[in-house]
Amino acid sequence: MLVLLAEQMASIASAAEAAWPSEGCGLLIGTGRRIVTVTRVMPACNLLEAEGNDRFELDPAVRFAAERAVRGTELRVVGHWHSHPDGSASPSATDLAQAWEPELIWLIVGTAADGAGRPQTVQMRAHRLDRDAGRVFAVRIEVAEKRACHAARFPT
């Protein structure tokens, strides 16, 4: 499961829309393995922006900065996000070919033009990609504010 604040989701959606019609990207910083909680979203430049709208390469300088920032803390790079300007939030063949860190979450944001030609976010889905098996595993997304409203569960 991936837990994000509504504000973080809005920030990612805004950055994806700003990058449209190219793919936008960034990193997710947080904690956890089975339940991954995002504490920070780091924007990054797409180094392949000029090469078309169907690929991304996250600036390695941002990744190195993120790794330095979390060194010695409980935080880690838990995943990254990127957008698909065709509206799909499913991993593409290019995504599968580039998946080399199976422990990371891949948050994909589908963006598309609205009736007036302006970009809008239409989907947001999280995945784990297993390149060796050629499989994609869906990861449930929960909004932190909604999660906080769940009643506490006590053993009976």
Protein backbone atom coordinates (compact mmCIF):
# COMPACT_ATOMS: atom_id res chain seq x y z
CA MET A 1 0.00 0.00 0.00
CA LEU A 2 1.13 3.55 -0.75
CA VAL A 3 0.00 6.30 1.62
CA LEU A 4 0.15 9.92 0.42
CA LEU A 5 -1.24 13.20 1.72
CA ALA A 6 -3.87 14.81 -0.50
CA GLU A 7 -1.50 17.80 -0.80
CA GLN A 8 1.27 15.51 -2.10
CA MET A 9 -1.07 14.00 -4.68
CA ALA A 10 -2.12 17.49 -5.79
CA SER A 11 1.53 18.55 -6.06
CA ILE A 12 2.35 15.53 -8.24
CA ALA A 13 -0.72 16.15 -10.42
CA SER A 14 0.25 19.83 -10.88
CA ALA A 15 3.81 18.93 -11.86
CA ALA A 16 2.56 16.28 -14.32
CA GLU A 17 0.19 18.80 -15.89
CA ALA A 18 2.98 21.41 -16.10
CA ALA A 19 5.19 18.91 -17.97
CA TRP A 20 2.44 17.99 -20.46
CA PRO A 21 2.68 17.09 -23.33
CA SER A 22 5.99 15.56 -22.17
CA GLU A 23 6.40 13.18 -19.27
CA GLY A 24 7.13 14.71 -15.89
CA CYS A 25 8.91 12.89 -13.07
CA GLY A 26 10.06 13.05 -9.47
CA LEU A 27 10.99 11.02 -6.41
CA LEU A 28 8.99 9.77 -3.45
CA ILE A 29 10.72 9.85 -0.05
CA GLY A 30 9.26 8.03 2.91
CA THR A 31 9.21 5.03 5.20
CA GLY A 32 7.98 1.46 5.25
CA ARG A 33 8.15 -1.59 3.05
CA ARG A 34 4.73 -3.25 3.00
CA ILE A 35 2.88 -0.04 3.87
CA VAL A 36 4.88 2.77 2.28
CA THR A 37 4.18 6.25 3.63
CA VAL A 38 5.40 9.20 1.58
CA THR A 39 6.80 12.05 3.65
CA ARG A 40 8.22 14.15 0.82
CA VAL A 41 7.82 14.51 -2.92
CA MET A 42 10.93 15.74 -4.76
CA PRO A 43 10.46 17.19 -8.24
CA ALA A 44 13.03 16.31 -10.89
CA CYS A 45 13.81 17.27 -14.45
CA ASN A 46 13.05 14.78 -17.20
CA LEU A 47 16.34 14.58 -19.06
CA LEU A 48 14.58 13.01 -22.07
CA GLU A 49 11.88 15.68 -22.39
CA ALA A 50 13.14 16.76 -25.82
CA GLU A 51 13.14 13.18 -27.17
CA GLY A 52 9.37 12.74 -27.31
CA ASN A 53 6.47 12.35 -24.96
CA ASP A 54 6.80 8.64 -24.23
CA ARG A 55 9.86 8.38 -22.00
CA PHE A 56 11.57 9.88 -19.02
CA GLU A 57 14.93 9.84 -17.32
CA LEU A 58 15.01 11.30 -13.86
CA ASP A 59 17.96 13.64 -13.31
CA PRO A 60 20.55 11.55 -11.38
CA ALA A 61 21.65 14.68 -9.50
CA VAL A 62 18.21 14.74 -7.85
CA ARG A 63 18.50 11.06 -6.91
CA PHE A 64 21.97 11.60 -5.42
CA ALA A 65 20.71 14.63 -3.47
CA ALA A 66 17.79 12.58 -2.16
CA GLU A 67 20.06 9.73 -1.07
CA ARG A 68 22.35 12.19 0.75
CA ALA A 69 19.38 13.90 2.41
CA VAL A 70 18.03 10.66 3.91
CA ARG A 71 21.38 9.14 4.89
CA GLY A 72 21.38 8.34 8.61
CA THR A 73 17.61 8.70 8.98
CA GLU A 74 14.68 6.30 8.88
CA LEU A 75 13.69 7.80 5.53
CA ARG A 76 14.60 6.37 2.14
CA VAL A 77 13.75 6.75 -1.52
CA VAL A 78 10.58 4.63 -1.67
CA GLY A 79 9.72 5.24 -5.30
CA HIS A 80 9.31 7.68 -8.09
CA TRP A 81 6.48 9.13 -10.10
CA HIS A 82 6.20 9.92 -13.75
CA SER A 83 3.39 10.94 -16.03
CA HIS A 84 1.93 9.53 -19.21
CA PRO A 85 0.57 12.32 -21.42
CA ASP A 86 -1.80 9.89 -23.19
CA GLY A 87 -4.00 9.61 -20.10
CA SER A 88 -2.97 6.07 -19.16
CA ALA A 89 -1.64 5.33 -15.68
CA SER A 90 -0.54 1.81 -16.60
CA PRO A 91 3.13 0.92 -17.14
CA SER A 92 4.21 1.06 -20.77
CA ALA A 93 6.56 -1.33 -22.56
CA THR A 94 9.26 1.34 -22.11
CA ASP A 95 8.56 1.41 -18.35
CA LEU A 96 8.90 -2.37 -18.13
CA ALA A 97 12.17 -2.28 -20.06
CA GLN A 98 13.59 0.35 -17.68
CA ALA A 99 12.42 -1.19 -14.39
CA TRP A 100 15.55 -2.13 -12.50
CA GLU A 101 14.67 -1.40 -8.87
CA PRO A 102 11.81 -3.77 -8.03
CA GLU A 103 11.63 -2.57 -4.41
CA LEU A 104 10.57 0.91 -5.56
CA ILE A 105 7.00 2.02 -6.15
CA TRP A 106 6.23 3.38 -9.60
CA LEU A 107 3.48 5.99 -9.31
CA ILE A 108 2.15 6.78 -12.77
CA VAL A 109 0.01 9.81 -13.46
CA GLY A 110 -2.19 9.82 -16.55
CA THR A 111 -2.61 13.29 -18.02
CA ALA A 112 -4.64 14.32 -21.05
CA ALA A 113 -6.04 17.43 -22.68
CA ASP A 114 -9.47 18.58 -21.54
CA GLY A 115 -12.07 19.97 -23.97
CA ALA A 116 -10.23 23.28 -24.13
CA GLY A 117 -6.85 21.63 -24.78
CA ARG A 118 -5.52 22.20 -21.25
CA PRO A 119 -3.72 19.35 -19.47
CA GLN A 120 -5.50 17.63 -16.62
CA THR A 121 -4.73 14.62 -14.47
CA VAL A 122 -7.18 11.83 -15.19
CA GLN A 123 -5.62 8.86 -13.34
CA MET A 124 -3.05 8.10 -10.67
CA ARG A 125 -2.00 4.50 -10.04
CA ALA A 126 0.85 2.86 -8.15
CA HIS A 127 2.73 -0.23 -9.27
CA ARG A 128 5.67 -2.44 -8.51
CA LEU A 129 7.38 -3.73 -11.61
CA ASP A 130 9.16 -7.07 -11.88
CA ARG A 131 11.25 -6.89 -15.02
CA ASP A 132 12.52 -10.46 -14.73
CA ALA A 133 9.02 -11.89 -14.57
CA GLY A 134 7.64 -9.28 -16.97
CA ARG A 135 4.81 -8.60 -14.54
CA VAL A 136 3.24 -5.55 -13.01
CA PHE A 137 1.74 -5.62 -9.53
CA ALA A 138 -0.85 -3.03 -8.55
CA VAL A 139 -0.26 -1.18 -5.28
CA ARG A 140 -3.25 0.29 -3.49
CA ILE A 141 -3.12 4.04 -2.85
CA GLU A 142 -4.62 5.53 0.29
CA VAL A 143 -4.99 9.20 1.06
CA ALA A 144 -3.42 9.78 4.49
CA GLU A 145 -6.23 12.03 5.68
CA LYS A 146 -8.83 9.33 4.93
CA ARG A 147 -6.65 6.67 6.54
CA ALA A 148 -6.46 8.73 9.74
CA CYS A 149 -10.26 8.62 10.02
CA HIS A 150 -10.40 4.83 10.32
CA ALA A 151 -11.43 3.68 13.77
CA ALA A 152 -8.68 2.18 15.90
CA ARG A 153 -8.80 -1.60 16.03
CA PHE A 154 -8.21 -3.30 19.34
CA PRO A 155 -7.90 -7.01 20.04
CA THR A 156 -11.08 -8.49 21.49
